[in-house]
Amino acid sequence: MRAARRSLWKQLLDNAARAVDSGVGVDAEQTHEREIEKLHAEIGQLTVETSF
């Protein structure tokens, strides 16, 4: 039960800025998406390299 409460508090604190300013985090989300795309490309490249 305590772990669940800590998790909820952590989520609240992590996202508190968004409650005040909806523009906060937009750049971070876009950066995150670009990073995911880059990592997927790297995974694909490594998959091809290991298959040869």
PDB file of N, CA and C in Angstrom:
ATOM      1  N   MET A   1       0.824  -1.200   0.000  1.00  0.00           N
ATOM      2  CA  MET A   1       0.000   0.000   0.000  1.00  0.00           C
ATOM      3  C   MET A   1       0.866   1.262   0.000  1.00  0.00           C
ATOM      4  N   ARG A   2       1.924   1.249   0.802  1.00  0.00           N
ATOM      5  CA  ARG A   2       2.789   2.434   0.840  1.00  0.00           C
ATOM      6  C   ARG A   2       3.486   2.661  -0.502  1.00  0.00           C
ATOM      7  N   ALA A   3       3.883   1.560  -1.138  1.00  0.00           N
ATOM      8  CA  ALA A   3       4.547   1.688  -2.433  1.00  0.00           C
ATOM      9  C   ALA A   3       3.605   2.324  -3.456  1.00  0.00           C
ATOM     10  N   ALA A   4       2.343   1.952  -3.399  1.00  0.00           N
ATOM     11  CA  ALA A   4       1.365   2.530  -4.327  1.00  0.00           C
ATOM     12  C   ALA A   4       1.204   4.020  -4.074  1.00  0.00           C
ATOM     13  N   ARG A   5       1.185   4.403  -2.822  1.00  0.00           N
ATOM     14  CA  ARG A   5       1.063   5.837  -2.492  1.00  0.00           C
ATOM     15  C   ARG A   5       2.286   6.605  -2.962  1.00  0.00           C
ATOM     16  N   ARG A   6       3.472   6.021  -2.745  1.00  0.00           N
ATOM     17  CA  ARG A   6       4.693   6.684  -3.201  1.00  0.00           C
ATOM     18  C   ARG A   6       4.676   6.853  -4.707  1.00  0.00           C
ATOM     19  N   SER A   7       4.195   5.826  -5.402  1.00  0.00           N
ATOM     20  CA  SER A   7       4.131   5.892  -6.851  1.00  0.00           C
ATOM     21  C   SER A   7       3.190   7.008  -7.300  1.00  0.00           C
ATOM     22  N   LEU A   8       2.046   7.121  -6.640  1.00  0.00           N
ATOM     23  CA  LEU A   8       1.096   8.177  -6.990  1.00  0.00           C
ATOM     24  C   LEU A   8       1.680   9.555  -6.714  1.00  0.00           C
ATOM     25  N   TRP A   9       2.375   9.704  -5.586  1.00  0.00           N
ATOM     26  CA  TRP A   9       2.997  10.988  -5.255  1.00  0.00           C
ATOM     27  C   TRP A   9       4.094  11.319  -6.259  1.00  0.00           C
ATOM     28  N   LYS A  10       4.860  10.309  -6.644  1.00  0.00           N
ATOM     29  CA  LYS A  10       5.924  10.532  -7.625  1.00  0.00           C
ATOM     30  C   LYS A  10       5.328  10.987  -8.948  1.00  0.00           C
ATOM     31  N   GLN A  11       4.252  10.340  -9.392  1.00  0.00           N
ATOM     32  CA  GLN A  11       3.596  10.748 -10.636  1.00  0.00           C
ATOM     33  C   GLN A  11       3.070  12.172 -10.521  1.00  0.00           C
ATOM     34  N   LEU A  12       2.488  12.499  -9.382  1.00  0.00           N
ATOM     35  CA  LEU A  12       1.964  13.844  -9.167  1.00  0.00           C
ATOM     36  C   LEU A  12       3.080  14.873  -9.253  1.00  0.00           C
ATOM     37  N   LEU A  13       4.166  14.613  -8.561  1.00  0.00           N
ATOM     38  CA  LEU A  13       5.275  15.555  -8.566  1.00  0.00           C
ATOM     39  C   LEU A  13       5.933  15.656  -9.942  1.00  0.00           C
ATOM     40  N   ASP A  14       6.062  14.532 -10.632  1.00  0.00           N
ATOM     41  CA  ASP A  14       6.673  14.541 -11.958  1.00  0.00           C
ATOM     42  C   ASP A  14       5.840  15.320 -12.961  1.00  0.00           C
ATOM     43  N   ASN A  15       4.530  15.306 -12.800  1.00  0.00           N
ATOM     44  CA  ASN A  15       3.636  15.948 -13.771  1.00  0.00           C
ATOM     45  C   ASN A  15       2.993  17.232 -13.261  1.00  0.00           C
ATOM     46  N   ALA A  16       3.431  17.733 -12.123  1.00  0.00           N
ATOM     47  CA  ALA A  16       2.814  18.915 -11.527  1.00  0.00           C
ATOM     48  C   ALA A  16       2.924  20.132 -12.438  1.00  0.00           C
ATOM     49  N   ALA A  17       4.034  20.277 -13.128  1.00  0.00           N
ATOM     50  CA  ALA A  17       4.211  21.444 -14.000  1.00  0.00           C
ATOM     51  C   ALA A  17       3.180  21.461 -15.122  1.00  0.00           C
ATOM     52  N   ARG A  18       2.774  20.309 -15.585  1.00  0.00           N
ATOM     53  CA  ARG A  18       1.778  20.252 -16.666  1.00  0.00           C
ATOM     54  C   ARG A  18       0.420  20.763 -16.217  1.00  0.00           C
ATOM     55  N   ALA A  19       0.130  20.658 -14.936  1.00  0.00           N
ATOM     56  CA  ALA A  19      -1.151  21.144 -14.423  1.00  0.00           C
ATOM     57  C   ALA A  19      -1.234  22.657 -14.549  1.00  0.00           C
ATOM     58  N   VAL A  20      -0.101  23.320 -14.478  1.00  0.00           N
ATOM     59  CA  VAL A  20      -0.061  24.767 -14.532  1.00  0.00           C
ATOM     60  C   VAL A  20       0.150  25.267 -15.960  1.00  0.00           C
ATOM     61  N   ASP A  21       1.012  24.594 -16.704  1.00  0.00           N
ATOM     62  CA  ASP A  21       1.363  25.025 -18.054  1.00  0.00           C
ATOM     63  C   ASP A  21       1.329  23.825 -18.991  1.00  0.00           C
ATOM     64  N   SER A  22       0.349  23.783 -19.865  1.00  0.00           N
ATOM     65  CA  SER A  22       0.188  22.624 -20.746  1.00  0.00           C
ATOM     66  C   SER A  22       1.309  22.510 -21.769  1.00  0.00           C
ATOM     67  N   GLY A  23       2.067  23.578 -21.979  1.00  0.00           N
ATOM     68  CA  GLY A  23       3.169  23.540 -22.936  1.00  0.00           C
ATOM     69  C   GLY A  23       4.420  22.887 -22.381  1.00  0.00           C
ATOM     70  N   VAL A  24       4.468  22.720 -21.078  1.00  0.00           N
ATOM     71  CA  VAL A  24       5.629  22.109 -20.445  1.00  0.00           C
ATOM     72  C   VAL A  24       5.690  20.637 -20.827  1.00  0.00           C
ATOM     73  N   GLY A  25       6.840  20.199 -21.220  1.00  0.00           N
ATOM     74  CA  GLY A  25       7.026  18.792 -21.546  1.00  0.00           C
ATOM     75  C   GLY A  25       6.835  18.455 -23.007  1.00  0.00           C
ATOM     76  N   VAL A  26       6.340  19.386 -23.799  1.00  0.00           N
ATOM     77  CA  VAL A  26       6.111  19.106 -25.220  1.00  0.00           C
ATOM     78  C   VAL A  26       7.441  18.831 -25.910  1.00  0.00           C
ATOM     79  N   ASP A  27       8.439  19.677 -25.638  1.00  0.00           N
ATOM     80  CA  ASP A  27       9.760  19.466 -26.224  1.00  0.00           C
ATOM     81  C   ASP A  27      10.354  18.148 -25.742  1.00  0.00           C
ATOM     82  N   ALA A  28      10.155  17.833 -24.500  1.00  0.00           N
ATOM     83  CA  ALA A  28      10.680  16.585 -23.948  1.00  0.00           C
ATOM     84  C   ALA A  28      10.036  15.386 -24.628  1.00  0.00           C
ATOM     85  N   GLU A  29       8.751  15.458 -24.887  1.00  0.00           N
ATOM     86  CA  GLU A  29       8.053  14.357 -25.565  1.00  0.00           C
ATOM     87  C   GLU A  29       8.566  14.189 -26.992  1.00  0.00           C
ATOM     88  N   GLN A  30       8.779  15.299 -27.684  1.00  0.00           N
ATOM     89  CA  GLN A  30       9.294  15.220 -29.047  1.00  0.00           C
ATOM     90  C   GLN A  30      10.705  14.655 -29.054  1.00  0.00           C
ATOM     91  N   THR A  31      11.527  15.058 -28.110  1.00  0.00           N
ATOM     92  CA  THR A  31      12.883  14.531 -27.989  1.00  0.00           C
ATOM     93  C   THR A  31      12.839  13.047 -27.699  1.00  0.00           C
ATOM     94  N   HIS A  32      11.921  12.656 -26.838  1.00  0.00           N
ATOM     95  CA  HIS A  32      11.766  11.240 -26.489  1.00  0.00           C
ATOM     96  C   HIS A  32      11.382  10.421 -27.720  1.00  0.00           C
ATOM     97  N   GLU A  33      10.462  10.929 -28.512  1.00  0.00           N
ATOM     98  CA  GLU A  33      10.035  10.223 -29.728  1.00  0.00           C
ATOM     99  C   GLU A  33      11.193  10.089 -30.720  1.00  0.00           C
ATOM    100  N   ARG A  34      11.974  11.153 -30.881  1.00  0.00           N
ATOM    101  CA  ARG A  34      13.129  11.086 -31.780  1.00  0.00           C
ATOM    102  C   ARG A  34      14.145  10.065 -31.286  1.00  0.00           C
ATOM    103  N   GLU A  35      14.350  10.018 -29.985  1.00  0.00           N
ATOM    104  CA  GLU A  35      15.284   9.054 -29.404  1.00  0.00           C
ATOM    105  C   GLU A  35      14.813   7.621 -29.645  1.00  0.00           C
ATOM    106  N   ILE A  36      13.515   7.395 -29.511  1.00  0.00           N
ATOM    107  CA  ILE A  36      12.957   6.061 -29.767  1.00  0.00           C
ATOM    108  C   ILE A  36      13.157   5.673 -31.230  1.00  0.00           C
ATOM    109  N   GLU A  37      12.896   6.590 -32.145  1.00  0.00           N
ATOM    110  CA  GLU A  37      13.098   6.311 -33.569  1.00  0.00           C
ATOM    111  C   GLU A  37      14.561   5.984 -33.851  1.00  0.00           C
ATOM    112  N   LYS A  38      15.457   6.741 -33.242  1.00  0.00           N
ATOM    113  CA  LYS A  38      16.886   6.511 -33.434  1.00  0.00           C
ATOM    114  C   LYS A  38      17.290   5.133 -32.903  1.00  0.00           C
ATOM    115  N   LEU A  39      16.773   4.764 -31.757  1.00  0.00           N
ATOM    116  CA  LEU A  39      17.090   3.462 -31.178  1.00  0.00           C
ATOM    117  C   LEU A  39      16.518   2.321 -32.011  1.00  0.00           C
ATOM    118  N   HIS A  40      15.315   2.498 -32.551  1.00  0.00           N
ATOM    119  CA  HIS A  40      14.742   1.472 -33.428  1.00  0.00           C
ATOM    120  C   HIS A  40      15.593   1.292 -34.680  1.00  0.00           C
ATOM    121  N   ALA A  41      16.081   2.388 -35.230  1.00  0.00           N
ATOM    122  CA  ALA A  41      16.947   2.303 -36.409  1.00  0.00           C
ATOM    123  C   ALA A  41      18.238   1.557 -36.063  1.00  0.00           C
ATOM    124  N   GLU A  42      18.788   1.852 -34.901  1.00  0.00           N
ATOM    125  CA  GLU A  42      20.014   1.171 -34.467  1.00  0.00           C
ATOM    126  C   GLU A  42      19.765  -0.323 -34.255  1.00  0.00           C
ATOM    127  N   ILE A  43      18.627  -0.664 -33.687  1.00  0.00           N
ATOM    128  CA  ILE A  43      18.278  -2.081 -33.494  1.00  0.00           C
ATOM    129  C   ILE A  43      18.188  -2.781 -34.844  1.00  0.00           C
ATOM    130  N   GLY A  44      17.542  -2.133 -35.804  1.00  0.00           N
ATOM    131  CA  GLY A  44      17.436  -2.708 -37.145  1.00  0.00           C
ATOM    132  C   GLY A  44      18.799  -2.910 -37.779  1.00  0.00           C
ATOM    133  N   GLN A  45      19.673  -1.927 -37.635  1.00  0.00           N
ATOM    134  CA  GLN A  45      21.015  -2.030 -38.201  1.00  0.00           C
ATOM    135  C   GLN A  45      21.778  -3.172 -37.541  1.00  0.00           C
ATOM    136  N   LEU A  46      21.708  -3.285 -36.239  1.00  0.00           N
ATOM    137  CA  LEU A  46      22.407  -4.359 -35.534  1.00  0.00           C
ATOM    138  C   LEU A  46      21.843  -5.734 -35.898  1.00  0.00           C
ATOM    139  N   THR A  47      20.549  -5.782 -36.105  1.00  0.00           N
ATOM    140  CA  THR A  47      19.920  -7.054 -36.518  1.00  0.00           C
ATOM    141  C   THR A  47      20.457  -7.501 -37.868  1.00  0.00           C
ATOM    142  N   VAL A  48      20.559  -6.566 -38.802  1.00  0.00           N
ATOM    143  CA  VAL A  48      21.081  -6.882 -40.133  1.00  0.00           C
ATOM    144  C   VAL A  48      22.551  -7.309 -40.017  1.00  0.00           C
ATOM    145  N   GLU A  49      23.332  -6.591 -39.225  1.00  0.00           N
ATOM    146  CA  GLU A  49      24.750  -6.917 -39.076  1.00  0.00           C
ATOM    147  C   GLU A  49      24.963  -8.312 -38.469  1.00  0.00           C
ATOM    148  N   THR A  50      24.152  -8.692 -37.523  1.00  0.00           N
ATOM    149  CA  THR A  50      24.335  -9.985 -36.872  1.00  0.00           C
ATOM    150  C   THR A  50      23.829 -11.132 -37.734  1.00  0.00           C
ATOM    151  N   SER A  51      22.970 -10.836 -38.703  1.00  0.00           N
ATOM    152  CA  SER A  51      22.465 -11.906 -39.551  1.00  0.00           C
ATOM    153  C   SER A  51      23.443 -12.271 -40.657  1.00  0.00           C
ATOM    154  N   PHE A  52      24.457 -11.433 -40.885  1.00  0.00           N
ATOM    155  CA  PHE A  52      25.445 -11.723 -41.934  1.00  0.00           C
ATOM    156  C   PHE A  52      26.635 -12.388 -41.384  1.00  0.00           C
TER     157      PHE A  52
END
